[in-house]
Amino acid sequence: MQTNTDVLNFILGIKINQLRQEKSYSLKQLSKASGLSLSYISEIEKGKKYPKPDKLFQLAKALDTSYDELVSLKMEENNNPVSAILSSPFLNDLPLKEFGISMSDIFELANNTPSKASAFIHTLLEIGRNYDLGVEHFLLASLRSYQKMHSNYFPEIEKKAKHFLVNDVKNASLSHSFLEQVLLNKHDVLVTYRDLSNIPNLASLRSIWIKGKKQKIIINQKLNDQQKMFELSKEIYYQLNNITIRPESSTWMEVKSFEQVLNNFNASYFAGAVLLPERSLLKEIKKFLRLKNWSANKFQQILESYETTPEMFLYRLSQLIPFHLKLPQIHYMRIHNVPGETRFHMTKEFNTTEVFVPKGVGRHEHHCRRWASIHLLKVLAEKQKNGENPNTLIVAQRSKFNNHGGDFFNIAIARPLNIDNNKNSCMTLGFKIDDNFKRFNGFWNDESVPEVKVGETCERCSISTDDCQQRVAKPEIYQKHLRIKEKGISLEQFIADEL
């Protein structure tokens, strides 16, 4: 944290408060000893005022300390949350203002209850150290929380996308060549395409932004047309809004600030809104949801009518459907897998449900093999093994969570990755099956859609080993919780018998 007025004010306020408490002075007594008004000293202790030097000398004399000690930024470590805040980039980089929390609020908490505040702040630091969590983990988690606060729908960005489509695109055909000309002619940004496969460390990047005398964006030529349009649309958002705090590449190398993370998210949202316009997509999806039977073919027809990838398409639905159809409990995830391997890696996740928390599990746990996404990745790998090479596979699944009782309707789409030929990817969008979902969806109970009992991970699942042929790990965590619960019941019974 850079030293600023708020920090100086609150360090002084906490010091004066602590020194006053050590001398067992009331505010009234310090007021009398220093010659300053009671209300003025109260404002100083709250961090709202910073006295002039002559008044600081009066306070230092009344508190039996020196002027230099009073204005110094050094503080005692014992029960001192402010020292932890000042010395920790981990805490300083948290995007508090995005959640309506100012540094004034944090320092006021530290001032009012220093011991409790210190314990809480040091707990956060210890969690970060013990679980090897860096600032980037918290910034990205903060972004997900920010999305949830807004139901993952941002009308101001929707408005910007509509304005661009009406005023810049007009009647032109939306293509990557058109977007290239917009960047060059209106924003003086040169677009070039490069094969990055000969640079192993950069081969997976979709784009690289170079800011020199002339701005340039280099796009991986292995991308398909839809992916190129997405990267170009993101760049147009940056240029339209004069944004320079942004990542230099499409894949995070280093997360530096929440502003950088938020700007990247906003640019991606804008790109999705340009390629998948809100009004037309909603109209088609509402019509599709009224069907009496699930149809993968009709769903794919809608997907293919837009210049988009399956990933963009499903994620765009996660932005529009919850807001417009009032279906707040959804989950979206993207999983990668190397065909033939048994590990499945979650590379993107957004979840607003209270049941399904895929990011809340240990990093070495095994995701449930009954999920629609993992099942579909296995099917895709088997087809590839047999010489087939389908562009996309689409399935629906009604998932019934074994431990929590939540039922979800999932749509999963699997496909080979364009950049990395050795990997497949599967995106899943799931909706909690509640009364409102049933009202909008005509095929929620279609018997052709399999109903599957699922868990979060093998380690947490209560389905017996004999009943689950897909299990790849023992239910160690579930059994541990079960033993703890049984001990609790035995303890309660023991105490009741002794009364």
Protein backbone atom coordinates (compact mmCIF):
# COMPACT_ATOMS: atom_id res chain seq x y z
CA MET A 1 0.00 0.00 0.00
CA GLN A 2 1.38 3.43 -0.80
CA THR A 3 1.38 5.83 2.13
CA ASN A 4 -1.53 8.20 1.69
CA THR A 5 -3.59 10.61 3.77
CA ASP A 6 -5.97 7.93 5.06
CA VAL A 7 -3.09 5.75 6.24
CA LEU A 8 -1.33 8.65 8.01
CA ASN A 9 -4.56 9.71 9.67
CA PHE A 10 -5.39 6.28 10.98
CA ILE A 11 -1.89 5.41 12.17
CA LEU A 12 -1.89 8.62 14.19
CA GLY A 13 -5.42 7.95 15.44
CA ILE A 14 -4.58 4.43 16.62
CA LYS A 15 -1.35 5.61 18.27
CA ILE A 16 -3.13 8.34 20.22
CA ASN A 17 -5.93 5.96 21.18
CA GLN A 18 -3.43 3.35 22.44
CA LEU A 19 -1.33 5.91 24.34
CA ARG A 20 -4.46 7.35 25.95
CA GLN A 21 -5.59 3.87 27.01
CA GLU A 22 -2.14 3.14 28.50
CA LYS A 23 -2.41 6.25 30.66
CA SER A 24 -6.02 5.38 31.54
CA TYR A 25 -7.11 8.76 30.25
CA SER A 26 -10.65 9.43 29.15
CA LEU A 27 -11.18 11.69 26.16
CA LYS A 28 -12.19 14.41 28.58
CA GLN A 29 -8.98 14.02 30.59
CA LEU A 30 -6.78 14.11 27.45
CA SER A 31 -8.69 17.15 26.29
CA LYS A 32 -7.91 18.94 29.53
CA ALA A 33 -4.22 17.88 29.51
CA SER A 34 -3.62 18.88 25.87
CA GLY A 35 -5.83 21.95 25.64
CA LEU A 36 -7.60 20.52 22.58
CA SER A 37 -11.35 20.03 22.40
CA LEU A 38 -12.84 16.63 23.22
CA SER A 39 -14.62 16.42 19.84
CA TYR A 40 -11.40 17.30 17.98
CA ILE A 41 -9.44 14.52 19.73
CA SER A 42 -12.28 12.09 18.98
CA GLU A 43 -12.05 12.98 15.27
CA ILE A 44 -8.27 12.44 15.36
CA GLU A 45 -8.63 8.99 16.94
CA LYS A 46 -11.16 8.01 14.27
CA GLY A 47 -8.67 8.95 11.55
CA LYS A 48 -10.77 11.82 10.26
CA LYS A 49 -8.39 14.64 11.22
CA TYR A 50 -4.62 15.17 11.14
CA PRO A 51 -3.54 18.06 13.43
CA LYS A 52 -1.05 20.76 12.58
CA PRO A 53 2.43 20.47 14.16
CA ASP A 54 1.68 22.79 17.09
CA LYS A 55 -1.33 20.70 18.14
CA LEU A 56 0.68 17.48 17.69
CA PHE A 57 3.28 18.88 20.13
CA GLN A 58 0.48 19.53 22.63
CA LEU A 59 -0.78 15.94 22.28
CA ALA A 60 2.73 14.47 22.55
CA LYS A 61 3.39 16.41 25.77
CA ALA A 62 0.04 15.36 27.29
CA LEU A 63 0.74 11.69 26.46
CA ASP A 64 4.38 11.75 27.71
CA THR A 65 5.84 10.90 24.30
CA SER A 66 7.90 12.71 21.69
CA TYR A 67 6.64 14.47 18.59
CA ASP A 68 8.83 12.23 16.40
CA GLU A 69 7.42 9.06 17.99
CA LEU A 70 3.87 10.29 17.51
CA VAL A 71 4.21 11.04 13.80
CA SER A 72 6.38 8.00 13.01
CA LEU A 73 4.83 5.27 10.83
CA LYS A 74 6.36 2.59 13.06
CA MET A 75 3.94 0.75 15.29
CA GLU A 76 4.19 -1.95 17.94
CA GLU A 77 3.62 -5.40 16.48
CA ASN A 78 1.63 -6.74 19.43
CA ASN A 79 -2.07 -6.89 18.51
CA ASN A 80 -1.46 -4.42 15.72
CA PRO A 81 -3.60 -5.04 12.62
CA VAL A 82 -2.45 -1.83 10.94
CA SER A 83 1.13 -3.11 10.76
CA ALA A 84 -0.18 -6.27 9.11
CA ILE A 85 -2.17 -4.22 6.60
CA LEU A 86 0.73 -1.92 5.79
CA SER A 87 3.29 -4.71 5.39
CA SER A 88 1.16 -7.15 3.41
CA PRO A 89 0.79 -6.80 -0.37
CA PHE A 90 -1.64 -9.69 -0.05
CA LEU A 91 -4.09 -7.53 1.93
CA ASN A 92 -3.31 -4.24 0.26
CA ASP A 93 -4.24 -5.53 -3.19
CA LEU A 94 -7.69 -6.76 -2.19
CA PRO A 95 -10.34 -4.78 -4.15
CA LEU A 96 -12.22 -3.56 -1.08
CA LYS A 97 -13.76 -0.53 -2.78
CA GLU A 98 -15.55 -2.72 -5.31
CA PHE A 99 -17.50 -4.21 -2.40
CA GLY A 100 -18.31 -0.89 -0.75
CA ILE A 101 -15.51 -1.14 1.82
CA SER A 102 -13.04 1.69 2.21
CA MET A 103 -9.70 1.65 3.98
CA SER A 104 -11.38 3.96 6.49
CA ASP A 105 -13.73 1.11 7.40
CA ILE A 106 -10.80 -1.28 7.90
CA PHE A 107 -8.84 1.16 10.06
CA GLU A 108 -11.91 2.05 12.09
CA LEU A 109 -12.43 -1.65 12.84
CA ALA A 110 -8.77 -1.89 13.86
CA ASN A 111 -9.18 1.16 16.07
CA ASN A 112 -12.37 0.00 17.78
CA THR A 113 -11.45 -3.67 18.34
CA PRO A 114 -7.69 -3.96 17.71
CA SER A 115 -7.25 -7.44 19.20
CA LYS A 116 -10.12 -9.00 17.24
CA ALA A 117 -9.17 -7.16 14.05
CA SER A 118 -5.57 -8.26 14.41
CA ALA A 119 -6.59 -11.90 14.92
CA PHE A 120 -8.82 -11.78 11.84
CA ILE A 121 -6.23 -10.15 9.58
CA HIS A 122 -3.44 -12.48 10.70
CA THR A 123 -5.78 -15.42 10.10
CA LEU A 124 -6.20 -14.32 6.49
CA LEU A 125 -2.44 -14.09 6.12
CA GLU A 126 -1.94 -17.54 7.64
CA ILE A 127 -4.54 -19.07 5.32
CA GLY A 128 -2.75 -17.52 2.37
CA ARG A 129 0.60 -18.94 3.47
CA ASN A 130 -0.60 -22.40 4.48
CA TYR A 131 -2.62 -22.99 1.33
CA ASP A 132 -0.10 -21.32 -0.97
CA LEU A 133 -2.65 -18.74 -2.02
CA GLY A 134 -1.28 -15.67 -3.71
CA VAL A 135 -2.92 -12.31 -4.30
CA GLU A 136 -4.01 -13.51 -7.75
CA HIS A 137 -6.20 -16.22 -6.21
CA PHE A 138 -8.02 -13.66 -4.11
CA LEU A 139 -8.32 -11.16 -6.96
CA LEU A 140 -9.86 -13.78 -9.24
CA ALA A 141 -12.11 -14.97 -6.40
CA SER A 142 -13.07 -11.34 -5.83
CA LEU A 143 -14.03 -11.09 -9.49
CA ARG A 144 -16.34 -14.09 -9.15
CA SER A 145 -17.94 -12.51 -6.09
CA TYR A 146 -18.31 -9.25 -8.01
CA GLN A 147 -20.07 -11.14 -10.81
CA LYS A 148 -22.41 -12.82 -8.33
CA MET A 149 -23.30 -9.46 -6.78
CA HIS A 150 -24.49 -8.32 -10.21
CA SER A 151 -26.05 -11.67 -11.27
CA ASN A 152 -23.28 -11.83 -13.90
CA TYR A 153 -25.22 -9.26 -15.94
CA PHE A 154 -23.87 -5.77 -16.67
CA PRO A 155 -26.34 -3.50 -18.49
CA GLU A 156 -23.81 -0.70 -19.06
CA ILE A 157 -21.59 -3.06 -21.09
CA GLU A 158 -24.62 -4.43 -22.94
CA LYS A 159 -25.43 -0.84 -23.87
CA LYS A 160 -21.90 -0.23 -25.17
CA ALA A 161 -22.08 -3.38 -27.29
CA LYS A 162 -25.43 -2.34 -28.78
CA HIS A 163 -24.06 1.13 -29.51
CA PHE A 164 -21.06 -0.39 -31.31
CA LEU A 165 -23.27 -2.72 -33.37
CA VAL A 166 -25.64 0.09 -34.37
CA ASN A 167 -23.11 2.86 -35.03
CA ASP A 168 -19.93 1.08 -36.13
CA VAL A 169 -21.06 -2.21 -37.62
CA LYS A 170 -24.41 -0.94 -38.98
CA ASN A 171 -25.25 -3.05 -42.02
CA ALA A 172 -21.74 -4.45 -42.50
CA SER A 173 -21.02 -8.13 -42.17
CA LEU A 174 -19.43 -8.85 -38.80
CA SER A 175 -16.16 -10.66 -39.54
CA HIS A 176 -12.61 -10.64 -38.28
CA SER A 177 -11.48 -8.67 -41.34
CA PHE A 178 -14.10 -5.99 -40.59
CA LEU A 179 -12.99 -5.78 -36.94
CA GLU A 180 -9.35 -5.51 -38.08
CA GLN A 181 -10.26 -2.46 -40.16
CA VAL A 182 -12.10 -0.87 -37.23
CA LEU A 183 -8.99 -1.24 -35.06
CA LEU A 184 -6.66 0.08 -37.74
CA ASN A 185 -8.75 2.95 -39.13
CA LYS A 186 -10.43 4.20 -35.95
CA HIS A 187 -7.90 3.34 -33.27
CA ASP A 188 -4.58 3.07 -35.14
CA VAL A 189 -3.98 -0.47 -33.86
CA LEU A 190 -2.20 -2.87 -36.20
CA VAL A 191 -3.42 -6.48 -36.23
CA THR A 192 -1.05 -9.27 -37.24
CA TYR A 193 -1.37 -13.06 -37.15
CA ARG A 194 1.50 -15.28 -36.08
CA ASP A 195 2.14 -18.99 -35.64
CA LEU A 196 3.34 -19.19 -32.04
CA SER A 197 3.78 -22.96 -32.03
CA ASN A 198 7.56 -22.59 -32.51
CA ILE A 199 7.74 -20.74 -29.16
CA PRO A 200 6.62 -23.44 -26.67
CA ASN A 201 6.06 -21.05 -23.76
CA LEU A 202 3.75 -18.87 -25.88
CA ALA A 203 2.07 -21.51 -28.05
CA SER A 204 -1.14 -21.58 -25.99
CA LEU A 205 -1.67 -17.80 -26.02
CA ARG A 206 -4.54 -16.48 -28.10
CA SER A 207 -3.26 -12.93 -28.37
CA ILE A 208 -0.45 -10.63 -27.28
CA TRP A 209 -0.80 -6.86 -26.89
CA ILE A 210 2.24 -4.72 -27.68
CA LYS A 211 2.29 -1.06 -26.73
CA GLY A 212 5.12 0.73 -28.49
CA LYS A 213 5.20 3.82 -30.65
CA LYS A 214 2.36 2.12 -32.47
CA GLN A 215 -0.01 -0.27 -30.71
CA LYS A 216 -0.15 -3.76 -32.10
CA ILE A 217 -2.08 -6.91 -31.28
CA ILE A 218 -0.63 -10.24 -32.36
CA ILE A 219 -3.19 -13.02 -32.71
CA ASN A 220 -2.40 -16.71 -32.79
CA GLN A 221 -3.18 -17.81 -36.33
CA LYS A 222 -4.28 -21.25 -35.09
CA LEU A 223 -7.46 -19.71 -33.72
CA ASN A 224 -10.64 -20.27 -35.67
CA ASP A 225 -12.53 -17.29 -37.10
CA GLN A 226 -14.86 -17.02 -34.10
CA GLN A 227 -11.98 -16.94 -31.63
CA LYS A 228 -10.18 -14.31 -33.71
CA MET A 229 -13.32 -12.16 -33.67
CA PHE A 230 -13.56 -12.52 -29.91
CA GLU A 231 -9.97 -11.32 -29.39
CA LEU A 232 -10.49 -8.42 -31.81
CA SER A 233 -13.72 -7.40 -30.09
CA LYS A 234 -11.93 -7.38 -26.73
CA GLU A 235 -9.27 -5.08 -28.19
CA ILE A 236 -11.97 -2.74 -29.52
CA TYR A 237 -13.40 -2.46 -25.99
CA TYR A 238 -9.98 -1.51 -24.60
CA GLN A 239 -9.57 1.12 -27.30
CA LEU A 240 -13.09 2.55 -27.00
CA ASN A 241 -12.57 3.07 -23.29
CA ASN A 242 -8.89 4.13 -23.42
CA ILE A 243 -7.90 1.30 -21.09
CA THR A 244 -4.20 0.71 -20.51
CA ILE A 245 -4.37 -1.26 -17.24
CA ARG A 246 -4.83 -4.65 -18.82
CA PRO A 247 -3.04 -7.99 -19.30
CA GLU A 248 -0.48 -8.17 -22.06
CA SER A 249 -1.67 -11.61 -23.16
CA SER A 250 -4.86 -13.65 -23.34
CA THR A 251 -3.63 -16.00 -20.59
CA TRP A 252 -2.71 -14.60 -17.19
CA MET A 253 1.05 -14.46 -16.67
CA GLU A 254 0.84 -12.26 -13.58
CA VAL A 255 -2.20 -10.76 -11.92
CA LYS A 256 -1.16 -7.29 -10.80
CA SER A 257 -4.35 -5.58 -9.63
CA PHE A 258 -8.10 -5.98 -9.41
CA GLU A 259 -8.51 -3.16 -11.92
CA GLN A 260 -6.54 -5.21 -14.43
CA VAL A 261 -8.69 -8.29 -13.73
CA LEU A 262 -11.92 -6.30 -13.95
CA ASN A 263 -10.92 -4.58 -17.20
CA ASN A 264 -10.12 -7.94 -18.78
CA PHE A 265 -13.48 -9.33 -17.66
CA ASN A 266 -15.34 -6.28 -19.00
CA ALA A 267 -13.57 -6.59 -22.36
CA SER A 268 -14.54 -10.27 -22.58
CA TYR A 269 -18.12 -9.46 -21.63
CA PHE A 270 -18.25 -6.78 -24.34
CA ALA A 271 -16.88 -9.21 -26.94
CA GLY A 272 -19.54 -11.79 -26.03
CA ALA A 273 -22.27 -9.16 -26.25
CA VAL A 274 -21.07 -8.08 -29.71
CA LEU A 275 -20.86 -11.60 -31.13
CA LEU A 276 -24.05 -12.79 -29.38
CA PRO A 277 -26.44 -9.81 -29.29
CA GLU A 278 -28.74 -9.84 -26.28
CA ARG A 279 -32.11 -9.35 -27.96
CA SER A 280 -31.84 -11.91 -30.76
CA LEU A 281 -30.21 -14.60 -28.62
CA LEU A 282 -32.79 -14.27 -25.85
CA LYS A 283 -35.62 -14.57 -28.34
CA GLU A 284 -34.23 -17.83 -29.75
CA ILE A 285 -33.39 -19.34 -26.37
CA LYS A 286 -36.82 -18.58 -24.91
CA LYS A 287 -38.38 -20.27 -27.92
CA PHE A 288 -36.06 -23.27 -27.48
CA LEU A 289 -36.88 -23.60 -23.76
CA ARG A 290 -40.59 -23.85 -24.57
CA LEU A 291 -40.02 -27.08 -26.51
CA LYS A 292 -41.64 -30.14 -24.94
CA ASN A 293 -38.61 -32.34 -25.67
CA TRP A 294 -34.89 -31.76 -25.36
CA SER A 295 -33.17 -31.57 -28.77
CA ALA A 296 -29.39 -31.46 -29.06
CA ASN A 297 -29.75 -30.84 -32.81
CA LYS A 298 -31.92 -27.73 -32.37
CA PHE A 299 -29.61 -26.44 -29.66
CA GLN A 300 -26.65 -26.87 -32.03
CA GLN A 301 -28.54 -25.09 -34.80
CA ILE A 302 -28.89 -22.01 -32.59
CA LEU A 303 -25.22 -22.24 -31.66
CA GLU A 304 -24.12 -22.45 -35.30
CA SER A 305 -26.29 -19.50 -36.33
CA TYR A 306 -23.88 -17.18 -34.47
CA GLU A 307 -20.22 -16.39 -35.04
CA THR A 308 -19.17 -17.97 -31.78
CA THR A 309 -17.57 -20.97 -30.12
CA PRO A 310 -19.42 -23.41 -27.83
CA GLU A 311 -17.57 -21.91 -24.86
CA MET A 312 -18.64 -18.35 -25.69
CA PHE A 313 -22.18 -19.48 -26.41
CA LEU A 314 -22.76 -21.29 -23.11
CA TYR A 315 -21.04 -18.58 -21.08
CA ARG A 316 -23.16 -15.90 -22.76
CA LEU A 317 -26.26 -17.85 -21.71
CA SER A 318 -24.95 -17.77 -18.13
CA GLN A 319 -25.06 -13.96 -18.37
CA LEU A 320 -28.50 -13.55 -19.94
CA ILE A 321 -30.73 -16.37 -18.66
CA PRO A 322 -30.31 -15.86 -14.88
CA PHE A 323 -31.08 -12.14 -15.17
CA HIS A 324 -33.90 -12.18 -17.72
CA LEU A 325 -35.60 -15.42 -16.66
CA LYS A 326 -34.96 -14.93 -12.92
CA LEU A 327 -32.97 -18.16 -12.55
CA PRO A 328 -30.20 -17.11 -10.17
CA GLN A 329 -28.87 -20.55 -9.21
CA ILE A 330 -26.59 -21.71 -12.04
CA HIS A 331 -23.15 -23.18 -12.49
CA TYR A 332 -20.80 -22.94 -15.45
CA MET A 333 -17.53 -24.82 -15.78
CA ARG A 334 -14.93 -25.69 -18.37
CA ILE A 335 -12.86 -28.87 -18.06
CA HIS A 336 -9.83 -29.91 -20.12
CA ASN A 337 -8.59 -33.44 -20.63
CA VAL A 338 -5.88 -35.16 -22.63
CA PRO A 339 -7.61 -38.08 -24.40
CA GLY A 340 -6.78 -41.34 -22.67
CA GLU A 341 -5.59 -39.71 -19.44
CA THR A 342 -7.53 -40.02 -16.18
CA ARG A 343 -6.98 -36.47 -14.92
CA PHE A 344 -9.57 -33.78 -15.66
CA HIS A 345 -8.58 -30.16 -15.07
CA MET A 346 -11.13 -27.45 -14.31
CA THR A 347 -9.90 -24.31 -16.10
CA LYS A 348 -12.88 -22.01 -15.61
CA GLU A 349 -15.77 -21.94 -13.17
CA PHE A 350 -18.62 -19.65 -12.20
CA ASN A 351 -21.09 -20.82 -9.60
CA THR A 352 -24.01 -19.11 -7.86
CA THR A 353 -25.52 -22.18 -6.23
CA GLU A 354 -25.40 -23.27 -2.61
CA VAL A 355 -25.12 -26.95 -3.55
CA PHE A 356 -22.48 -27.39 -6.19
CA VAL A 357 -19.13 -25.86 -5.21
CA PRO A 358 -16.44 -27.34 -7.48
CA LYS A 359 -13.84 -24.75 -6.45
CA GLY A 360 -14.37 -25.55 -2.79
CA VAL A 361 -12.58 -28.89 -2.93
CA GLY A 362 -8.95 -29.80 -2.43
CA ARG A 363 -6.63 -29.47 -5.39
CA HIS A 364 -5.75 -33.19 -5.32
CA GLU A 365 -9.32 -34.50 -5.17
CA HIS A 366 -10.99 -36.22 -8.11
CA HIS A 367 -14.07 -34.61 -9.61
CA CYS A 368 -17.09 -36.90 -9.86
CA ARG A 369 -16.81 -39.04 -13.01
CA ARG A 370 -20.61 -39.04 -13.34
CA TRP A 371 -20.75 -35.36 -14.30
CA ALA A 372 -22.09 -34.74 -17.80
CA SER A 373 -18.87 -32.95 -18.76
CA ILE A 374 -16.52 -35.75 -17.75
CA HIS A 375 -18.76 -38.39 -19.28
CA LEU A 376 -18.83 -36.46 -22.56
CA LEU A 377 -15.05 -35.99 -22.60
CA LYS A 378 -14.68 -39.76 -22.27
CA VAL A 379 -17.10 -40.28 -25.17
CA LEU A 380 -15.20 -37.78 -27.31
CA ALA A 381 -11.86 -39.45 -26.52
CA GLU A 382 -13.28 -42.87 -27.45
CA LYS A 383 -14.56 -41.55 -30.79
CA GLN A 384 -11.17 -40.01 -31.56
CA LYS A 385 -9.50 -43.30 -30.66
CA ASN A 386 -11.76 -45.02 -33.22
CA GLY A 387 -10.75 -42.58 -35.96
CA GLU A 388 -13.72 -40.21 -35.69
CA ASN A 389 -13.15 -36.48 -35.21
CA PRO A 390 -16.44 -34.74 -34.34
CA ASN A 391 -16.38 -30.94 -34.07
CA THR A 392 -18.79 -30.90 -31.16
CA LEU A 393 -20.78 -33.29 -28.99
CA ILE A 394 -23.82 -32.05 -27.04
CA VAL A 395 -25.72 -33.82 -24.26
CA ALA A 396 -28.16 -32.97 -21.49
CA GLN A 397 -28.23 -34.52 -18.04
CA ARG A 398 -30.41 -34.16 -14.96
CA SER A 399 -27.94 -34.31 -12.09
CA LYS A 400 -29.17 -35.23 -8.63
CA PHE A 401 -26.61 -34.40 -5.98
CA ASN A 402 -26.34 -37.30 -3.61
CA ASN A 403 -25.15 -35.46 -0.49
CA HIS A 404 -27.26 -32.30 -0.77
CA GLY A 405 -30.42 -33.20 -2.66
CA GLY A 406 -30.10 -30.43 -5.25
CA ASP A 407 -31.31 -31.27 -8.78
CA PHE A 408 -29.79 -29.56 -11.83
CA PHE A 409 -30.47 -29.58 -15.55
CA ASN A 410 -27.09 -29.56 -17.32
CA ILE A 411 -26.18 -28.89 -20.93
CA ALA A 412 -22.66 -29.98 -21.86
CA ILE A 413 -20.69 -29.36 -25.07
CA ALA A 414 -17.35 -31.08 -25.79
CA ARG A 415 -14.91 -30.33 -28.58
CA PRO A 416 -11.21 -30.63 -29.49
CA LEU A 417 -9.13 -27.53 -28.71
CA ASN A 418 -7.89 -25.52 -31.67
CA ILE A 419 -4.55 -24.39 -30.26
CA ASP A 420 -3.61 -27.50 -28.31
CA ASN A 421 -4.31 -30.50 -30.53
CA ASN A 422 -3.58 -32.87 -27.64
CA LYS A 423 -6.48 -31.69 -25.48
CA ASN A 424 -10.25 -31.77 -25.49
CA SER A 425 -12.47 -29.27 -23.72
CA CYS A 426 -15.99 -29.54 -22.32
CA MET A 427 -18.21 -26.70 -21.16
CA THR A 428 -21.24 -27.27 -18.94
CA LEU A 429 -24.04 -24.91 -17.99
CA GLY A 430 -26.38 -26.13 -15.27
CA PHE A 431 -29.62 -24.70 -13.85
CA LYS A 432 -31.17 -25.63 -10.54
CA ILE A 433 -34.51 -27.31 -11.23
CA ASP A 434 -36.92 -25.18 -9.19
CA ASP A 435 -40.46 -23.98 -9.81
CA ASN A 436 -39.33 -21.05 -11.92
CA PHE A 437 -37.14 -23.25 -14.11
CA LYS A 438 -40.07 -25.61 -14.65
CA ARG A 439 -42.23 -22.63 -15.64
CA PHE A 440 -39.82 -21.54 -18.39
CA ASN A 441 -38.59 -24.96 -19.48
CA GLY A 442 -40.86 -27.41 -21.29
CA PHE A 443 -38.45 -30.35 -21.29
CA TRP A 444 -37.11 -30.28 -17.72
CA ASN A 445 -38.54 -33.76 -17.06
CA ASP A 446 -38.02 -35.22 -20.57
CA GLU A 447 -37.51 -38.95 -20.02
CA SER A 448 -34.94 -39.06 -22.83
CA VAL A 449 -32.64 -36.94 -20.65
CA PRO A 450 -30.86 -39.29 -18.22
CA GLU A 451 -31.16 -38.63 -14.50
CA VAL A 452 -27.86 -39.37 -12.80
CA LYS A 453 -26.95 -39.35 -9.13
CA VAL A 454 -23.71 -37.36 -8.78
CA GLY A 455 -21.33 -36.02 -6.15
CA GLU A 456 -18.69 -33.31 -5.97
CA THR A 457 -15.58 -35.49 -5.73
CA CYS A 458 -14.92 -39.19 -5.17
CA GLU A 459 -13.32 -38.36 -1.82
CA ARG A 460 -16.51 -36.61 -0.58
CA CYS A 461 -19.12 -38.97 -2.06
CA SER A 462 -21.42 -41.18 0.00
CA ILE A 463 -22.37 -43.47 -2.90
CA SER A 464 -21.03 -46.89 -2.03
CA THR A 465 -18.03 -48.22 -3.88
CA ASP A 466 -20.09 -51.19 -5.10
CA ASP A 467 -22.75 -48.89 -6.62
CA CYS A 468 -20.34 -46.61 -8.47
CA GLN A 469 -18.27 -48.17 -11.24
CA GLN A 470 -16.83 -44.75 -12.16
CA ARG A 471 -15.22 -44.14 -8.77
CA VAL A 472 -11.44 -43.51 -9.01
CA ALA A 473 -10.65 -42.76 -5.35
CA LYS A 474 -11.84 -43.92 -1.93
CA PRO A 475 -14.38 -41.71 -0.08
CA GLU A 476 -11.82 -40.77 2.57
CA ILE A 477 -13.16 -37.28 3.34
CA TYR A 478 -16.77 -38.49 3.54
CA GLN A 479 -15.76 -41.30 5.88
CA LYS A 480 -13.78 -38.89 8.06
CA HIS A 481 -16.81 -36.59 8.41
CA LEU A 482 -18.96 -39.63 9.14
CA ARG A 483 -16.62 -40.75 11.94
CA ILE A 484 -16.67 -37.27 13.47
CA LYS A 485 -20.47 -37.21 13.32
CA GLU A 486 -20.69 -40.66 14.93
CA LYS A 487 -18.32 -39.56 17.70
CA GLY A 488 -20.52 -36.52 18.32
CA ILE A 489 -23.62 -38.69 18.62
CA SER A 490 -21.81 -41.04 21.02
CA LEU A 491 -20.62 -38.10 23.12
CA GLU A 492 -24.12 -36.65 23.35
CA GLN A 493 -25.49 -40.03 24.38
CA PHE A 494 -22.75 -40.49 26.98
CA ILE A 495 -23.44 -37.09 28.53
CA ALA A 496 -27.20 -37.76 28.55
CA ASP A 497 -26.65 -41.11 30.34
CA GLU A 498 -24.47 -39.46 33.00
CA LEU A 499 -27.01 -36.79 33.88
